[in-house]
Amino acid sequence: MKFIDYVKIHVKAGDGGRGCVSFRREKYVPRGGPDGGDGGKGGNIIIKATKELNTLLDLRYQREYKAEKGEHGKGSNKHGKDGESRIIPVPVGTLIKNAETEEVIADLDHHDAEVIAAKGGRGGLGNAHFATPTRQAPKFAQPGEKGQEKWLVLELKLLADVGLIGLPNAGKSTLISVISSAKPKIADYPFTTLVPNLGVVKLEDFRSFVVADIPGLIEGAHRGAGLGFQFLRHVERTSVLLHLVDISDILATDPVEDFEKINRELVLYSPELLNKPMAVAGTKLDIAHDKIRLNRLKEYCKDKRLDFFPISSATGEGIKELVMYLAKRVKE
């Protein structure tokens, strides 16, 4: 299924029905008064979160959503039927904004959370409401109110406990495939992962936590380089960040500079991201024979008081210790 995490839609709530102008015409009621009923209320546009969905794909192909209008009032004090509301299902973690003002309308962060995104118009009052001792035969009624109409932006931010970040080919997809049942695409070229992957890590004591593999960032991502910053919004939901850095002998770059490149992108996107708990994992330990890159990154993390874990997803070395540490931090 194609992963879509940003859409813009137009919603139109139902208009209220107009009130009725009517008078009693019964044979044995010589002075029948006004009996116009009220119009029905227009239907609302309701956006509701469901765990059955994990993408905004359906909304990409249908941009217009309308609710029913309220029925008009009738004679004999019969009120019009209210219009039926329109419910739009979205994945849990969807943020709803007014497209014009960028005001946040709602953050649907749990199953069955819902919000009235556009309110239906109120039905108009019939002429029966306007009879007075001095105006016994009003020949007017209220029109129904217009339903709200607006453009909305929907952003999906995945709900995960741990976010895996790092340069392309740092080993994020391999790690999530080892510690969870997720099966992301893995290859020896950059940008293998084109969409975020979620995996559930289960521990022996029946505890579990969710890990999100965020597609590879590169320097300049905040300006749109590489895959750009389109997936950084998913990092905002996480409780803990795990920064993966390749410490193998294959690369000639400075691992500390690799680490700082990504952190600069995080700051430029949202300075608050660096306030999240962060740990560092040196990946591909099994092919880090001379240990130069490993020791360089290890000393840096020690100076910065960052928890550091050298690991190998291929051999499993250091994986158990890392998983137990992440479970502890998530619990905290």
Foldseek 3Di string as FASTA:
>chain_A
DDAAFKDKAKEFWAWWAWWAFAWDDDPPPPDTFTFIAWWAWTAFEKEWAAQVDDHPVVCRVPRYYYWHYTHYTDGNHRYTHYTHHHYHYDHAQKWKAFPPPRHTPDGRHDHGDMDRPKGTWHIKGYCVVVADPVRGRDRDIGGTGTIDIGMMMIGHADAFAEEEAFAFPLCLQLLLVLQFVDHQQDDDDGQSDLQKDKGWGADPVRDITIYIYFHGDFQPLCVPPDVHCSRVSNLVNYQEYEYGFEQAPPDPDQRVVRRVRVVVSVCVVPVCSVVHQYAYEHEPPVRRPVCPNVVNVVVVCVVVVHHYFYAYSVVGPRSVVVVVVSSVSSVD
